[in-house]
Amino acid sequence: MFRVAAVTSRGVGNWSEVKSITPKKALPPPSVIADTITNDSISLSFSFNSQNEVKHYMVVLSWLFDSHVKESRNYTVQKGILRAANLTAGTVYEVAVWAHTVVGDSPTALSRQQTTGTQPEAPLLKARALNQTSVDCSWTTAGLPAQVYGIFYATSFLDLYRSPRSASGSGAAGQTTVQVEPDEQYLFLVRAVSPYLGPPSAFAVVRMIPSERLPPRNLHRVQVGQTRTTLKWQPPYDSPASPLTYVVHVRDVVRKAELDYKLSSSNNTVEYLLKGLEPGGRYSVTVRLRNMSKEASLTLTTVALPAPDALKIISEKDHVFLLWKSLAVKEKGFNESRGYEVHMYDSVSNQTMFLGNTTETFFRINRLLAGHNYSFSVQARCLLGGQLCGEPCSFMTSWAKGPWRRGLRARRRTWRWWWCPSCSCCCWGLAADCWHSTCATDGCRTTSPTSPTPTTTPAWARPSSPPGTI
């Protein structure tokens, strides 16, 4: 029995007349029987205990591979028998069945069925953008591979599971290239689609490379010389469809000068030889695509001119000479007009002095102080404010005391005969190092056990007076 009344803001209105309805007998749910279950199929039969004519049965087969996503298939069965194929082994399926009759739909009969065997593992997917419109998809699987795999992709999760775009591939370690729209972000997954529908992989997110908006990758120097260096880099994306034009900008940090170079290449690794540099110079290098602001950069220092060879010292009564070999002998690009500069360091006063420049291969030094240790260095002349210099060649000496030893003695000493003023004899060994346990007679024949043995005794083994220069 039913009656109706209106409800308004002012209250409840009058009730209508009472109506009564006598319902007919309710329709029963259909009966579902599982006839055969294999690892990839389920055979079901349906029956309906009612006098009403059944037009067809509606069957919904649903399952879960992911706890967040429920997948399903819909079947319309005319004769009460259904064989659902292309199923996955070891998977639980929920079966919902109702009968569509001339008087309406029956209640739904629910049941669970599980296929035999072991459920296969989901494949492992890797996806990366090759360029603006291509994505490389590769996957691996454990166990027996399926015949065909499907790659599904979309720009949102909703589209990925409701209406994804797809491509196909095969093999346990398959790979395929998918063409997509530029300037988009895509979600990818892969799964077996034949002979069964397997569990999907975890989704992979791929952000497509904007058209020529990224800087070159992996910019580095391969070889650095005095006047040239080799640069290498990779394009912003792999396998560019057409040659890309790069701009190489070189800034001379020392001279504050700038130069630009252009080149075009479609290679995955670009190599460029940068010439016209200065030895010992410092440069800032940037590489970018033409008309783009994003760039890759590095700094480099070229190899300086080497130190002069064969630096020697000759001592006179009140001065010394430094001599060395010209750099032009081994450096063809060295101009003698550039010249050399000479520096001196006094370890006693702890001072470094610039002695001067010369275009010759010798230099005279005066006014050395007795008892002081000096270090001399010669290098190619610096070109700009103490920069762009050559490598120095150093020589360490000391200005000795005493009238009989006035002169320079090199730190790098050799074994030789020398006069020992303590024992007034000639000794074989390092200068100023007497090997006598006591300064005894016949000391000229006494040598160190670890010292080289002289082959002959010089004529001045016992001179009446010591030599003037060692």
Protein backbone atom coordinates (compact mmCIF):
# COMPACT_ATOMS: atom_id res chain seq x y z
CA MET A 1 0.00 0.00 0.00
CA PHE A 2 1.32 3.44 -0.97
CA ARG A 3 0.29 7.07 -0.46
CA VAL A 4 2.05 10.36 -1.25
CA ALA A 5 2.14 13.82 0.42
CA ALA A 6 3.92 17.03 -0.57
CA VAL A 7 6.54 18.47 1.78
CA THR A 8 7.13 22.26 1.52
CA SER A 9 8.73 25.00 3.58
CA ARG A 10 5.36 25.61 5.20
CA GLY A 11 4.83 22.00 6.21
CA VAL A 12 3.37 18.72 4.92
CA GLY A 13 0.45 18.76 2.51
CA ASN A 14 -2.54 16.45 2.27
CA TRP A 15 -1.97 12.75 1.63
CA SER A 16 -3.10 11.17 -1.59
CA GLU A 17 -5.38 8.22 -1.94
CA VAL A 18 -3.99 4.85 -0.89
CA LYS A 19 -2.85 2.63 -3.71
CA SER A 20 -2.06 -1.06 -3.40
CA ILE A 21 0.18 -3.24 -5.59
CA THR A 22 0.24 -7.01 -5.63
CA PRO A 23 3.68 -8.16 -6.94
CA LYS A 24 4.06 -11.21 -9.10
CA LYS A 25 6.39 -14.09 -8.23
CA ALA A 26 10.08 -12.95 -8.29
CA LEU A 27 12.49 -14.37 -10.89
CA PRO A 28 15.11 -16.76 -9.51
CA PRO A 29 18.86 -16.33 -10.24
CA PRO A 30 20.29 -18.66 -12.86
CA SER A 31 22.32 -21.73 -11.93
CA VAL A 32 25.99 -21.78 -12.95
CA ILE A 33 27.99 -25.01 -13.37
CA ALA A 34 31.74 -25.14 -14.16
CA ASP A 35 32.17 -27.95 -16.61
CA THR A 36 35.89 -27.73 -17.49
CA ILE A 37 38.73 -25.57 -16.10
CA THR A 38 42.21 -25.50 -17.66
CA ASN A 39 45.19 -23.17 -17.29
CA ASP A 40 43.87 -20.81 -20.01
CA SER A 41 40.09 -21.43 -20.25
CA ILE A 42 36.89 -21.97 -18.26
CA SER A 43 33.78 -23.75 -19.63
CA LEU A 44 30.47 -22.82 -17.93
CA SER A 45 26.86 -23.94 -18.44
CA PHE A 46 23.77 -22.02 -17.26
CA SER A 47 20.17 -23.04 -16.45
CA PHE A 48 17.14 -21.04 -15.39
CA ASN A 49 14.28 -22.51 -13.35
CA SER A 50 11.36 -20.34 -14.44
CA GLN A 51 8.36 -20.41 -16.74
CA ASN A 52 9.45 -17.13 -18.32
CA GLU A 53 11.34 -17.35 -21.58
CA VAL A 54 15.06 -16.54 -21.43
CA LYS A 55 16.25 -14.38 -24.30
CA HIS A 56 19.97 -14.65 -23.35
CA TYR A 57 22.35 -14.73 -20.44
CA MET A 58 24.67 -11.86 -19.52
CA VAL A 59 28.06 -12.93 -18.13
CA VAL A 60 30.73 -10.63 -16.62
CA LEU A 61 34.13 -12.25 -15.99
CA SER A 62 36.35 -10.06 -13.77
CA TRP A 63 39.77 -10.46 -12.16
CA LEU A 64 42.50 -8.54 -10.34
CA PHE A 65 46.19 -8.39 -11.30
CA ASP A 66 46.63 -5.04 -9.59
CA SER A 67 44.82 -4.29 -6.33
CA HIS A 68 43.98 -0.85 -7.72
CA VAL A 69 42.57 -1.97 -11.07
CA LYS A 70 39.75 -4.45 -11.69
CA GLU A 71 39.61 -5.84 -15.22
CA SER A 72 36.62 -7.56 -16.80
CA ARG A 73 35.13 -9.09 -19.93
CA ASN A 74 31.46 -9.13 -20.94
CA TYR A 75 29.81 -12.05 -22.74
CA THR A 76 26.30 -12.51 -24.18
CA VAL A 77 25.37 -16.21 -24.17
CA GLN A 78 22.43 -17.45 -26.24
CA LYS A 79 22.36 -21.22 -25.60
CA GLY A 80 23.45 -21.47 -21.94
CA ILE A 81 27.04 -22.61 -22.62
CA LEU A 82 30.15 -20.40 -22.43
CA ARG A 83 33.81 -21.18 -22.99
CA ALA A 84 35.99 -18.26 -21.87
CA ALA A 85 39.43 -18.63 -23.45
CA ASN A 86 42.68 -16.60 -23.46
CA LEU A 87 42.74 -16.63 -19.66
CA THR A 88 45.78 -16.58 -17.36
CA ALA A 89 46.99 -19.61 -15.44
CA GLY A 90 46.65 -19.62 -11.66
CA THR A 91 44.28 -16.64 -11.62
CA VAL A 92 41.02 -16.29 -9.65
CA TYR A 93 38.06 -15.09 -11.76
CA GLU A 94 34.77 -13.76 -10.45
CA VAL A 95 31.78 -14.85 -12.57
CA ALA A 96 28.56 -12.77 -12.50
CA VAL A 97 25.59 -14.21 -14.47
CA TRP A 98 21.99 -13.06 -14.87
CA ALA A 99 19.20 -14.03 -17.25
CA HIS A 100 17.46 -11.55 -19.50
CA THR A 101 13.81 -12.66 -19.87
CA VAL A 102 10.67 -11.27 -21.47
CA VAL A 103 9.61 -9.82 -18.10
CA GLY A 104 13.00 -8.39 -17.15
CA ASP A 105 16.37 -9.34 -15.70
CA SER A 106 16.81 -11.97 -13.04
CA PRO A 107 18.94 -11.56 -9.93
CA THR A 108 22.69 -12.05 -10.42
CA ALA A 109 24.39 -15.31 -9.56
CA LEU A 110 28.00 -14.83 -8.30
CA SER A 111 30.73 -17.47 -8.19
CA ARG A 112 34.54 -17.73 -8.18
CA GLN A 113 36.62 -19.94 -10.43
CA GLN A 114 40.41 -20.37 -10.57
CA THR A 115 42.39 -21.57 -13.55
CA THR A 116 44.98 -24.29 -13.07
CA GLY A 117 48.75 -23.84 -13.14
CA THR A 118 50.97 -21.01 -11.87
CA GLN A 119 50.38 -17.39 -12.67
CA PRO A 120 53.23 -15.97 -14.85
CA GLU A 121 55.31 -13.07 -13.59
CA ALA A 122 54.77 -9.59 -14.92
CA PRO A 123 57.40 -8.42 -17.44
CA LEU A 124 59.93 -5.73 -16.57
CA LEU A 125 59.56 -2.66 -18.80
CA LYS A 126 62.10 0.04 -19.65
CA ALA A 127 61.06 3.00 -21.78
CA ARG A 128 63.07 6.03 -22.88
CA ALA A 129 62.60 8.83 -25.35
CA LEU A 130 64.78 8.62 -28.45
CA ASN A 131 63.81 11.98 -29.89
CA GLN A 132 60.78 14.27 -29.95
CA THR A 133 58.34 11.64 -31.27
CA SER A 134 59.90 8.19 -30.68
CA VAL A 135 59.99 6.06 -27.54
CA ASP A 136 62.11 2.94 -27.24
CA CYS A 137 60.34 0.21 -25.21
CA SER A 138 62.20 -2.91 -24.11
CA TRP A 139 61.10 -5.64 -21.72
CA THR A 140 62.31 -8.86 -20.17
CA THR A 141 60.33 -11.76 -18.72
CA ALA A 142 61.09 -14.70 -16.45
CA GLY A 143 59.97 -18.16 -17.42
CA LEU A 144 58.30 -19.23 -20.64
CA PRO A 145 57.56 -16.18 -22.81
CA ALA A 146 54.23 -15.49 -24.46
CA GLN A 147 53.84 -15.38 -28.22
CA VAL A 148 52.74 -11.75 -28.43
CA TYR A 149 53.17 -8.84 -26.03
CA GLY A 150 51.20 -5.62 -26.16
CA ILE A 151 52.57 -2.17 -25.33
CA PHE A 152 49.85 0.11 -24.02
CA TYR A 153 50.30 3.82 -23.48
CA ALA A 154 48.30 6.97 -22.78
CA THR A 155 48.74 10.44 -21.33
CA SER A 156 46.76 9.69 -18.11
CA PHE A 157 46.01 6.77 -15.81
CA LEU A 158 42.33 6.90 -16.72
CA ASP A 159 43.05 6.60 -20.44
CA LEU A 160 45.74 3.97 -19.80
CA TYR A 161 43.17 1.53 -18.37
CA ARG A 162 40.05 2.59 -20.27
CA SER A 163 41.12 3.52 -23.79
CA PRO A 164 44.87 3.15 -24.26
CA ARG A 165 46.76 3.24 -27.51
CA SER A 166 48.74 0.12 -28.21
CA ALA A 167 51.55 -1.53 -30.17
CA SER A 168 52.76 -5.11 -30.28
CA GLY A 169 56.00 -7.03 -29.94
CA SER A 170 57.29 -10.51 -29.27
CA GLY A 171 60.02 -12.36 -27.40
CA ALA A 172 61.09 -12.78 -23.79
CA ALA A 173 63.52 -9.88 -24.27
CA GLY A 174 61.58 -7.81 -26.76
CA GLN A 175 62.07 -4.30 -28.03
CA THR A 176 59.98 -1.98 -30.16
CA THR A 177 59.79 1.70 -31.02
CA VAL A 178 56.53 3.57 -30.50
CA GLN A 179 55.66 6.81 -32.29
CA VAL A 180 53.90 9.38 -30.10
CA GLU A 181 53.04 13.07 -30.10
CA PRO A 182 55.79 15.56 -29.13
CA ASP A 183 55.79 17.71 -25.98
CA GLU A 184 53.70 15.20 -23.98
CA GLN A 185 54.19 12.94 -21.00
CA TYR A 186 53.17 9.31 -21.49
CA LEU A 187 52.52 6.29 -19.28
CA PHE A 188 53.60 2.92 -20.69
CA LEU A 189 52.99 -0.68 -19.66
CA VAL A 190 53.55 -4.04 -21.35
CA ARG A 191 51.77 -7.37 -20.90
CA ALA A 192 51.27 -10.68 -22.65
CA VAL A 193 48.23 -10.66 -24.95
CA SER A 194 48.52 -14.02 -26.73
CA PRO A 195 47.91 -16.89 -26.09
CA TYR A 196 46.79 -15.50 -22.74
CA LEU A 197 46.27 -12.09 -21.17
CA GLY A 198 49.03 -11.84 -18.60
CA PRO A 199 49.62 -9.49 -15.68
CA PRO A 200 50.76 -5.99 -16.70
CA SER A 201 54.16 -4.57 -15.89
CA ALA A 202 54.67 -1.60 -13.64
CA PHE A 203 54.01 1.55 -15.61
CA ALA A 204 56.87 3.68 -16.92
CA VAL A 205 56.69 7.45 -17.26
CA VAL A 206 58.32 9.04 -20.31
CA ARG A 207 58.56 12.77 -20.78
CA MET A 208 59.01 13.51 -24.46
CA ILE A 209 61.94 15.68 -25.43
CA PRO A 210 60.88 19.18 -26.42
CA SER A 211 61.86 20.15 -29.93
CA GLU A 212 65.46 21.39 -29.75
CA ARG A 213 65.08 22.87 -26.26
CA LEU A 214 67.64 20.83 -24.36
CA PRO A 215 71.41 21.38 -24.22
CA PRO A 216 73.96 18.91 -25.60
CA ARG A 217 74.84 16.07 -23.26
CA ASN A 218 78.14 14.82 -21.81
CA LEU A 219 80.35 17.64 -23.03
CA HIS A 220 83.98 16.79 -22.22
CA ARG A 221 87.51 17.27 -23.51
CA VAL A 222 89.29 14.26 -24.94
CA GLN A 223 92.79 15.59 -25.58
CA VAL A 224 94.31 18.93 -24.63
CA GLY A 225 97.48 20.22 -26.28
CA GLN A 226 99.30 23.54 -26.41
CA THR A 227 97.31 25.15 -29.23
CA ARG A 228 94.40 22.75 -29.79
CA THR A 229 91.97 20.52 -27.95
CA THR A 230 89.42 17.90 -28.98
CA LEU A 231 85.87 18.25 -27.64
CA LYS A 232 83.18 15.57 -27.62
CA TRP A 233 79.50 15.67 -26.76
CA GLN A 234 76.18 13.99 -27.53
CA PRO A 235 73.03 15.56 -28.98
CA PRO A 236 70.11 16.36 -26.64
CA TYR A 237 68.43 13.14 -27.76
CA ASP A 238 69.52 9.93 -29.47
CA SER A 239 69.28 9.36 -33.21
CA PRO A 240 68.29 12.84 -34.45
CA ALA A 241 66.19 12.64 -37.59
CA SER A 242 68.11 15.45 -39.30
CA PRO A 243 71.49 17.16 -38.81
CA LEU A 244 71.64 19.51 -35.83
CA THR A 245 73.55 22.77 -35.96
CA TYR A 246 75.72 23.49 -32.92
CA VAL A 247 77.37 26.74 -31.86
CA VAL A 248 80.69 26.43 -30.01
CA HIS A 249 81.45 29.60 -28.05
CA VAL A 250 85.04 30.05 -26.83
CA ARG A 251 85.94 32.77 -24.32
CA ASP A 252 89.59 33.53 -23.64
CA VAL A 253 89.66 34.16 -19.88
CA VAL A 254 93.13 35.75 -20.01
CA ARG A 255 92.76 38.05 -23.02
CA LYS A 256 88.99 38.62 -22.56
CA ALA A 257 88.33 37.71 -26.20
CA GLU A 258 85.45 35.62 -27.59
CA LEU A 259 85.00 33.52 -30.73
CA ASP A 260 82.12 31.44 -32.15
CA TYR A 261 82.28 28.34 -34.33
CA LYS A 262 79.44 26.47 -36.05
CA LEU A 263 79.10 22.87 -37.17
CA SER A 264 76.30 20.50 -38.20
CA SER A 265 76.07 16.81 -37.41
CA SER A 266 73.47 14.06 -37.10
CA ASN A 267 75.79 11.66 -35.23
CA ASN A 268 75.08 10.36 -31.75
CA THR A 269 78.60 11.44 -30.75
CA VAL A 270 79.93 14.75 -32.05
CA GLU A 271 83.68 15.43 -32.11
CA TYR A 272 85.16 18.86 -32.76
CA LEU A 273 88.81 19.97 -32.95
CA LEU A 274 89.28 23.42 -31.47
CA LYS A 275 92.37 25.17 -32.87
CA GLY A 276 94.15 28.49 -32.50
CA LEU A 277 94.62 28.39 -28.73
CA GLU A 278 97.60 29.71 -26.81
CA PRO A 279 99.96 27.55 -24.70
CA GLY A 280 99.14 27.91 -21.01
CA GLY A 281 95.87 29.73 -21.76
CA ARG A 282 92.57 29.40 -19.89
CA TYR A 283 89.32 29.13 -21.83
CA SER A 284 85.61 28.81 -21.11
CA VAL A 285 83.82 26.71 -23.75
CA THR A 286 80.03 26.44 -24.20
CA VAL A 287 78.13 24.32 -26.74
CA ARG A 288 74.45 24.84 -27.60
CA LEU A 289 72.04 24.26 -30.42
CA ARG A 290 71.62 27.16 -32.79
CA ASN A 291 69.05 29.76 -31.62
CA MET A 292 68.68 28.01 -28.24
CA SER A 293 69.65 29.46 -24.87
CA LYS A 294 70.34 26.25 -22.90
CA GLU A 295 73.96 25.20 -23.17
CA ALA A 296 76.61 22.82 -21.88
CA SER A 297 79.88 24.33 -20.68
CA LEU A 298 83.35 23.47 -19.44
CA THR A 299 86.64 25.22 -18.67
CA LEU A 300 90.02 24.09 -19.91
CA THR A 301 93.66 25.09 -19.59
CA THR A 302 95.99 24.36 -22.47
CA VAL A 303 99.41 22.83 -21.96
CA ALA A 304 102.09 25.44 -21.24
CA LEU A 305 105.37 25.68 -23.14
CA PRO A 306 107.86 23.20 -21.67
CA ALA A 307 110.81 24.26 -19.56
CA PRO A 308 114.12 24.93 -21.31
CA ASP A 309 116.46 21.96 -21.40
CA ALA A 310 120.04 21.62 -20.20
CA LEU A 311 120.09 24.47 -17.68
CA LYS A 312 123.68 24.87 -16.48
CA ILE A 313 125.61 27.27 -14.31
CA ILE A 314 129.14 28.63 -14.74
CA SER A 315 130.78 30.43 -11.85
CA GLU A 316 133.28 33.23 -12.25
CA LYS A 317 135.18 35.28 -9.67
CA ASP A 318 132.31 37.62 -8.71
CA HIS A 319 129.39 36.50 -10.86
CA VAL A 320 127.74 33.47 -12.45
CA PHE A 321 126.26 32.64 -15.85
CA LEU A 322 123.10 30.62 -16.48
CA LEU A 323 123.03 28.75 -19.78
CA TRP A 324 120.25 26.70 -21.36
CA LYS A 325 119.16 25.22 -24.65
CA SER A 326 116.81 27.19 -26.90
CA LEU A 327 113.13 26.19 -26.79
CA ALA A 328 112.97 26.54 -30.56
CA VAL A 329 114.94 23.30 -30.84
CA LYS A 330 112.00 21.17 -29.64
CA GLU A 331 109.11 23.64 -30.02
CA LYS A 332 108.83 24.62 -33.67
CA GLY A 333 106.19 27.23 -32.93
CA PHE A 334 108.33 29.07 -30.39
CA ASN A 335 109.61 32.47 -31.56
CA GLU A 336 112.97 33.48 -30.12
CA SER A 337 111.82 37.11 -30.08
CA ARG A 338 109.48 36.16 -27.22
CA GLY A 339 112.48 35.50 -25.05
CA TYR A 340 112.89 34.13 -21.55
CA GLU A 341 112.55 35.46 -18.05
CA VAL A 342 114.78 34.59 -15.09
CA HIS A 343 113.74 34.43 -11.44
CA MET A 344 115.81 33.88 -8.31
CA TYR A 345 114.77 32.67 -4.86
CA ASP A 346 116.94 33.35 -1.78
CA SER A 347 116.13 30.80 0.92
CA VAL A 348 117.94 32.79 3.63
CA SER A 349 115.94 35.98 3.14
CA ASN A 350 112.92 33.99 1.83
CA GLN A 351 112.53 36.34 -1.13
CA THR A 352 111.79 35.73 -4.80
CA MET A 353 113.20 38.23 -7.28
CA PHE A 354 112.60 38.79 -10.95
CA LEU A 355 116.03 39.23 -12.51
CA GLY A 356 115.00 40.23 -16.02
CA ASN A 357 114.18 39.13 -19.57
CA THR A 358 116.50 38.04 -22.34
CA THR A 359 116.22 36.81 -25.91
CA GLU A 360 119.52 34.97 -25.57
CA THR A 361 120.11 31.53 -24.09
CA PHE A 362 122.37 32.78 -21.28
CA PHE A 363 122.05 35.25 -18.41
CA ARG A 364 124.61 36.91 -16.14
CA ILE A 365 123.92 37.26 -12.40
CA ASN A 366 125.94 39.56 -10.11
CA ARG A 367 125.99 40.54 -6.45
CA LEU A 368 125.39 37.16 -4.82
CA LEU A 369 125.79 37.03 -1.05
CA ALA A 370 128.15 34.57 0.61
CA GLY A 371 126.46 31.90 2.69
CA HIS A 372 123.10 32.23 0.89
CA ASN A 373 121.34 29.41 -0.93
CA TYR A 374 119.79 30.37 -4.25
CA SER A 375 117.32 28.76 -6.60
CA PHE A 376 117.28 30.03 -10.18
CA SER A 377 114.46 29.36 -12.67
CA VAL A 378 114.22 30.06 -16.39
CA GLN A 379 110.99 29.95 -18.40
CA ALA A 380 109.46 31.28 -21.60
CA ARG A 381 108.50 34.92 -21.06
CA CYS A 382 104.97 35.57 -19.79
CA LEU A 383 102.87 37.39 -22.36
CA LEU A 384 100.20 39.14 -20.32
CA GLY A 385 100.51 40.25 -16.71
CA GLY A 386 102.25 37.17 -15.36
CA GLN A 387 100.01 34.83 -17.39
CA LEU A 388 100.53 32.65 -20.46
CA CYS A 389 103.94 31.64 -19.13
CA GLY A 390 106.10 28.64 -19.91
CA GLU A 391 107.04 25.92 -17.47
CA PRO A 392 110.07 26.90 -15.34
CA CYS A 393 113.35 25.01 -15.21
CA SER A 394 114.97 25.34 -11.76
CA PHE A 395 118.54 25.05 -10.52
CA MET A 396 119.48 25.13 -6.81
CA THR A 397 122.90 26.39 -5.73
CA SER A 398 124.72 27.96 -2.80
CA TRP A 399 127.31 30.77 -2.70
CA ALA A 400 130.07 29.31 -0.50
CA LYS A 401 132.15 31.09 2.14
CA GLY A 402 135.94 31.26 2.28
CA PRO A 403 138.52 32.52 -0.19
CA TRP A 404 139.51 29.02 -1.36
CA ARG A 405 135.92 27.90 -2.08
CA ARG A 406 134.44 31.02 -3.54
CA GLY A 407 132.06 29.90 -6.28
CA LEU A 408 128.81 28.04 -6.76
CA ARG A 409 128.30 24.47 -5.73
CA ALA A 410 125.37 22.61 -7.30
CA ARG A 411 123.08 20.67 -5.00
CA ARG A 412 123.18 17.82 -7.45
CA ARG A 413 126.73 16.62 -6.64
CA THR A 414 128.69 13.72 -8.10
CA TRP A 415 131.48 11.45 -6.84
CA ARG A 416 134.93 12.87 -7.52
CA TRP A 417 138.34 13.64 -6.03
CA TRP A 418 138.21 16.66 -3.78
CA TRP A 419 140.50 18.44 -1.28
CA CYS A 420 139.69 17.98 2.42
CA PRO A 421 140.94 21.03 4.37
CA SER A 422 140.62 19.19 7.71
CA CYS A 423 143.07 16.41 6.94
CA SER A 424 144.90 18.26 4.17
CA CYS A 425 144.50 15.40 1.74
CA CYS A 426 142.53 14.43 -1.34
CA CYS A 427 139.40 12.30 -0.78
CA TRP A 428 137.17 10.34 -3.16
CA GLY A 429 133.49 11.02 -2.54
CA LEU A 430 130.87 13.77 -2.47
CA ALA A 431 132.20 17.31 -2.18
CA ALA A 432 132.38 18.56 1.42
CA ASP A 433 131.78 15.00 2.72
CA CYS A 434 134.94 13.42 4.24
CA TRP A 435 134.68 9.66 4.64
CA HIS A 436 137.60 9.45 7.12
CA SER A 437 136.72 8.12 10.55
CA THR A 438 139.60 10.31 11.66
CA CYS A 439 141.54 12.64 9.45
CA ALA A 440 144.59 10.40 9.33
CA THR A 441 147.50 10.15 7.01
CA ASP A 442 147.16 8.28 3.75
CA GLY A 443 143.57 9.49 3.70
CA CYS A 444 143.50 9.81 -0.05
CA ARG A 445 143.26 6.04 -0.26
CA THR A 446 140.47 5.77 2.31
CA THR A 447 137.01 5.54 0.71
CA SER A 448 133.46 4.95 1.87
CA PRO A 449 132.28 1.33 1.72
CA THR A 450 129.24 2.43 -0.31
CA SER A 451 131.01 4.92 -2.53
CA PRO A 452 132.23 4.24 -6.06
CA THR A 453 135.88 3.25 -6.19
CA PRO A 454 138.15 5.60 -8.18
CA THR A 455 139.97 4.03 -11.08
CA THR A 456 143.08 6.21 -10.92
CA THR A 457 144.65 8.55 -8.41
CA PRO A 458 145.06 12.06 -9.81
CA ALA A 459 148.47 13.68 -9.91
CA TRP A 460 147.41 16.29 -7.39
CA ALA A 461 146.41 13.68 -4.75
CA ARG A 462 148.57 15.48 -2.16
CA PRO A 463 148.93 19.04 -3.35
CA SER A 464 150.84 21.53 -1.30
CA SER A 465 147.88 23.93 -1.37
CA PRO A 466 144.18 23.34 -1.95
CA PRO A 467 142.62 24.05 -5.34
CA GLY A 468 140.84 27.38 -5.66
CA THR A 469 137.57 26.18 -7.21
CA ILE A 470 135.64 22.99 -6.48
